[in-house]
Amino acid sequence: MWSVPESHTDRADWPASTPPPWPAGVRATLWWHRSTEAARVLGPDGVTVPLTLAVMVDYLDSPVGPYREILASPVLRAPGRRTGLLPRMAVPFIAVDSEPSVHGGRVHWSLPKVPAEFDGDVHGTFEASTEAWRVSTRTRPRGPRLPIAGALGFAQPGEHGQGLVTASARLRGHFRYARVDVRADGPTLAAWLVPGAHHGIVITDGKMTTGAAQLR
């Protein structure tokens, strides 16, 4: 499974989760910045967009109950015949505080989820960490609350490099612009999840459904 050291685990036995679709109520913070050279090297094969995108999510409810999550894509996969009309995330780093969610990510979507500890509010001061890495954010929402509707897709390398595992999460709710102060430490994160203040948005309230994966 494609991952960075921060998302490596030798454990293979996780509590089973229900198959997709996974509907959920969410609150979230997203931020982005131009990809570093380390991010471009880390990115998947093929044509990519040099933009790093990171997300912290508070799942208020889901098929495996409430949980929190952090994920990041060092670059985006460019639109194409296999990936569709929009760029897709390529996610080698993702962590949650729910063991059934770890199972769901790894089994249903080829996402290298690992357990982590979380503290704080995704719309304020927030932190995700293990003994090996730590990501801290301070989010400052600004401006009006506006409606949002759309989809966020991802495409992961299949097992043994065979094909792409693609899926999309469809979202409807409200958002605000935000500035997000970021600090990241870990074996690779410090090289491609750039510290400092970045443009972002907060999802103040949303309903999201992550669909089943397809092998392309």
Protein backbone atom coordinates (compact mmCIF):
# COMPACT_ATOMS: atom_id res chain seq x y z
CA MET A 1 0.00 0.00 0.00
CA TRP A 2 1.43 3.37 -1.06
CA SER A 3 2.39 5.45 1.99
CA VAL A 4 5.00 7.58 3.71
CA PRO A 5 6.67 6.38 6.95
CA GLU A 6 4.12 8.34 8.99
CA SER A 7 1.39 6.02 7.67
CA HIS A 8 3.26 2.75 8.05
CA THR A 9 2.00 0.00 10.35
CA ASP A 10 2.86 -3.67 10.72
CA ARG A 11 -0.56 -4.39 12.17
CA ALA A 12 -3.00 -6.12 9.81
CA ASP A 13 -5.93 -7.03 12.08
CA TRP A 14 -8.48 -4.22 12.53
CA PRO A 15 -12.13 -4.27 13.63
CA ALA A 16 -14.25 -4.78 10.51
CA SER A 17 -16.23 -1.90 9.02
CA THR A 18 -19.28 -1.81 6.78
CA PRO A 19 -18.70 -1.33 3.04
CA PRO A 20 -19.39 2.02 1.33
CA PRO A 21 -21.13 4.28 0.76
CA TRP A 22 -20.26 6.06 4.01
CA PRO A 23 -22.55 9.02 4.77
CA ALA A 24 -21.37 11.39 7.51
CA GLY A 25 -21.95 14.76 9.12
CA VAL A 26 -18.70 16.74 9.05
CA ARG A 27 -16.83 19.80 10.25
CA ALA A 28 -13.45 20.34 8.60
CA THR A 29 -10.50 22.57 7.82
CA LEU A 30 -8.69 22.40 4.46
CA TRP A 31 -5.53 24.25 3.44
CA TRP A 32 -3.22 24.22 0.45
CA HIS A 33 0.13 25.53 -0.79
CA ARG A 34 2.53 25.07 -3.68
CA SER A 35 4.26 21.70 -3.56
CA THR A 36 7.88 21.56 -2.43
CA GLU A 37 10.51 19.66 -4.39
CA ALA A 38 10.26 16.87 -1.79
CA ALA A 39 6.50 16.68 -2.40
CA ARG A 40 6.98 16.45 -6.17
CA VAL A 41 9.51 13.65 -5.74
CA LEU A 42 7.19 11.86 -3.32
CA GLY A 43 4.16 12.19 -5.59
CA PRO A 44 2.83 9.31 -7.70
CA ASP A 45 3.87 8.48 -11.24
CA GLY A 46 2.14 10.28 -14.06
CA VAL A 47 1.18 13.89 -14.70
CA THR A 48 0.60 15.84 -11.50
CA VAL A 49 -0.44 19.31 -10.34
CA PRO A 50 2.17 20.85 -7.96
CA LEU A 51 -0.31 21.70 -5.21
CA THR A 52 -0.26 20.18 -1.71
CA LEU A 53 -3.69 19.79 -0.10
CA ALA A 54 -4.30 18.84 3.54
CA VAL A 55 -7.53 18.23 5.45
CA MET A 56 -8.48 17.81 9.10
CA VAL A 57 -11.98 16.41 9.60
CA ASP A 58 -14.31 15.98 12.55
CA TYR A 59 -16.79 13.26 11.55
CA LEU A 60 -19.82 13.89 13.76
CA ASP A 61 -21.40 10.59 12.73
CA SER A 62 -20.57 7.82 10.27
CA PRO A 63 -21.12 4.07 9.76
CA VAL A 64 -18.29 3.51 12.31
CA GLY A 65 -19.42 6.27 14.69
CA PRO A 66 -17.82 9.68 15.35
CA TYR A 67 -14.10 10.02 14.69
CA ARG A 68 -11.43 12.51 13.63
CA GLU A 69 -9.02 12.39 10.71
CA ILE A 70 -6.05 14.10 9.10
CA LEU A 71 -4.91 13.46 5.54
CA ALA A 72 -2.61 15.13 3.04
CA SER A 73 -1.78 14.84 -0.64
CA PRO A 74 1.74 16.08 -1.59
CA VAL A 75 0.61 16.74 -5.18
CA LEU A 76 -2.64 16.28 -7.07
CA ARG A 77 -3.10 13.88 -9.96
CA ALA A 78 -3.86 15.81 -13.13
CA PRO A 79 -7.19 15.26 -14.93
CA GLY A 80 -7.08 12.52 -17.50
CA ARG A 81 -8.77 9.53 -19.07
CA ARG A 82 -8.28 7.34 -15.98
CA THR A 83 -8.88 10.00 -13.33
CA GLY A 84 -11.72 12.10 -14.77
CA LEU A 85 -12.25 15.78 -15.45
CA LEU A 86 -10.95 17.16 -12.13
CA PRO A 87 -7.64 16.78 -10.25
CA ARG A 88 -7.64 14.05 -7.60
CA MET A 89 -5.80 13.73 -4.33
CA ALA A 90 -3.05 11.11 -4.01
CA VAL A 91 -2.91 10.26 -0.30
CA PRO A 92 0.18 8.61 1.25
CA PHE A 93 -0.53 10.12 4.71
CA ILE A 94 -3.80 9.65 6.60
CA ALA A 95 -4.57 8.97 10.27
CA VAL A 96 -7.72 8.60 12.39
CA ASP A 97 -8.75 7.92 15.99
CA SER A 98 -11.05 5.01 15.10
CA GLU A 99 -9.81 1.47 14.52
CA PRO A 100 -12.85 0.48 12.38
CA SER A 101 -12.10 3.56 10.24
CA VAL A 102 -8.52 2.30 9.80
CA HIS A 103 -10.02 -0.94 8.45
CA GLY A 104 -12.39 0.95 6.17
CA GLY A 105 -9.68 3.12 4.67
CA ARG A 106 -7.30 0.25 4.01
CA VAL A 107 -9.83 -2.32 2.80
CA HIS A 108 -12.43 -0.23 0.96
CA TRP A 109 -10.34 2.60 -0.56
CA SER A 110 -6.64 1.59 -0.46
CA LEU A 111 -5.97 4.51 1.90
CA PRO A 112 -3.04 3.86 4.31
CA LYS A 113 -4.88 4.85 7.50
CA VAL A 114 -3.14 4.50 10.86
CA PRO A 115 -4.28 5.31 14.42
CA ALA A 116 -3.34 8.65 15.97
CA GLU A 117 -4.31 10.89 18.87
CA PHE A 118 -6.25 14.10 18.30
CA ASP A 119 -6.88 17.14 20.46
CA GLY A 120 -8.69 20.46 20.06
CA ASP A 121 -11.17 21.92 17.58
CA VAL A 122 -10.70 21.63 13.80
CA HIS A 123 -11.95 25.23 13.47
CA GLY A 124 -9.50 26.56 16.07
CA THR A 125 -6.38 25.05 17.65
CA PHE A 126 -6.01 21.41 16.66
CA GLU A 127 -3.38 18.69 16.80
CA ALA A 128 -2.90 15.17 15.48
CA SER A 129 0.04 13.08 16.63
CA THR A 130 1.74 9.76 17.32
CA GLU A 131 5.12 9.06 18.89
CA ALA A 132 6.65 9.43 15.41
CA TRP A 133 4.99 12.59 14.05
CA ARG A 134 2.88 15.64 14.92
CA VAL A 135 0.78 18.16 12.95
CA SER A 136 -0.54 21.27 14.72
CA THR A 137 -2.86 23.88 13.24
CA ARG A 138 -4.38 27.18 14.33
CA THR A 139 -7.31 28.14 12.13
CA ARG A 140 -8.75 31.65 11.85
CA PRO A 141 -12.04 31.71 9.89
CA ARG A 142 -12.87 35.00 8.18
CA GLY A 143 -15.71 36.41 6.17
CA PRO A 144 -19.27 35.24 5.56
CA ARG A 145 -20.66 31.74 5.74
CA LEU A 146 -21.48 30.58 2.21
CA PRO A 147 -23.06 27.46 0.67
CA ILE A 148 -20.85 24.78 -0.84
CA ALA A 149 -21.64 21.71 -2.95
CA GLY A 150 -19.21 19.51 -4.82
CA ALA A 151 -16.93 16.49 -4.68
CA LEU A 152 -13.38 15.71 -3.62
CA GLY A 153 -11.83 12.76 -5.41
CA PHE A 154 -8.75 10.66 -4.81
CA ALA A 155 -6.80 8.07 -6.79
CA GLN A 156 -4.51 5.56 -5.07
CA PRO A 157 -2.08 3.11 -6.69
CA GLY A 158 -3.57 -0.39 -6.76
CA GLU A 159 -1.92 -3.38 -5.16
CA HIS A 160 1.47 -4.17 -6.71
CA GLY A 161 1.11 -1.05 -8.86
CA GLN A 162 -1.78 -2.51 -10.83
CA GLY A 163 -4.20 0.23 -11.89
CA LEU A 164 -5.66 3.07 -9.86
CA VAL A 165 -8.18 2.85 -7.03
CA THR A 166 -10.44 5.89 -7.42
CA ALA A 167 -13.35 7.21 -5.37
CA SER A 168 -15.10 10.48 -4.58
CA ALA A 169 -16.59 12.12 -1.50
CA ARG A 170 -19.58 14.32 -2.27
CA LEU A 171 -20.22 17.25 0.06
CA ARG A 172 -23.04 19.71 0.63
CA GLY A 173 -23.04 22.33 3.38
CA HIS A 174 -21.50 25.71 4.23
CA PHE A 175 -17.97 27.11 4.37
CA ARG A 176 -15.93 30.17 5.32
CA TYR A 177 -12.53 31.36 4.10
CA ALA A 178 -9.74 30.83 6.65
CA ARG A 179 -6.07 31.36 7.32
CA VAL A 180 -4.41 28.24 8.71
CA ASP A 181 -1.14 28.31 10.66
CA VAL A 182 0.59 24.94 10.31
CA ARG A 183 3.47 23.12 11.98
CA ALA A 184 4.48 19.59 10.97
CA ASP A 185 7.15 17.26 12.34
CA GLY A 186 7.98 13.71 11.30
CA PRO A 187 10.22 11.54 9.13
CA THR A 188 8.91 13.15 5.90
CA LEU A 189 6.14 15.60 6.82
CA ALA A 190 8.46 18.51 7.64
CA ALA A 191 9.82 18.37 4.06
CA TRP A 192 6.52 18.59 2.22
CA LEU A 193 3.80 19.88 4.58
CA VAL A 194 5.08 23.44 4.69
CA PRO A 195 4.96 25.31 8.02
CA GLY A 196 3.51 28.80 8.27
CA ALA A 197 0.25 30.52 7.35
CA HIS A 198 -1.73 29.22 4.37
CA HIS A 199 -4.98 29.90 2.55
CA GLY A 200 -7.78 27.54 3.50
CA ILE A 201 -11.45 27.07 4.19
CA VAL A 202 -13.48 25.67 7.06
CA ILE A 203 -16.54 23.52 6.45
CA THR A 204 -18.80 24.90 9.16
CA ASP A 205 -21.41 22.19 8.62
CA GLY A 206 -21.73 19.55 5.95
CA LYS A 207 -23.15 16.25 4.83
CA MET A 208 -20.62 14.09 3.02
CA THR A 209 -20.93 10.69 1.38
CA THR A 210 -17.85 8.73 0.32
CA GLY A 211 -18.72 6.29 -2.43
CA ALA A 212 -17.36 2.91 -3.38
CA ALA A 213 -13.97 2.64 -5.03
CA GLN A 214 -13.36 1.65 -8.62
CA LEU A 215 -10.24 0.02 -10.07
CA ARG A 216 -9.24 1.74 -13.29
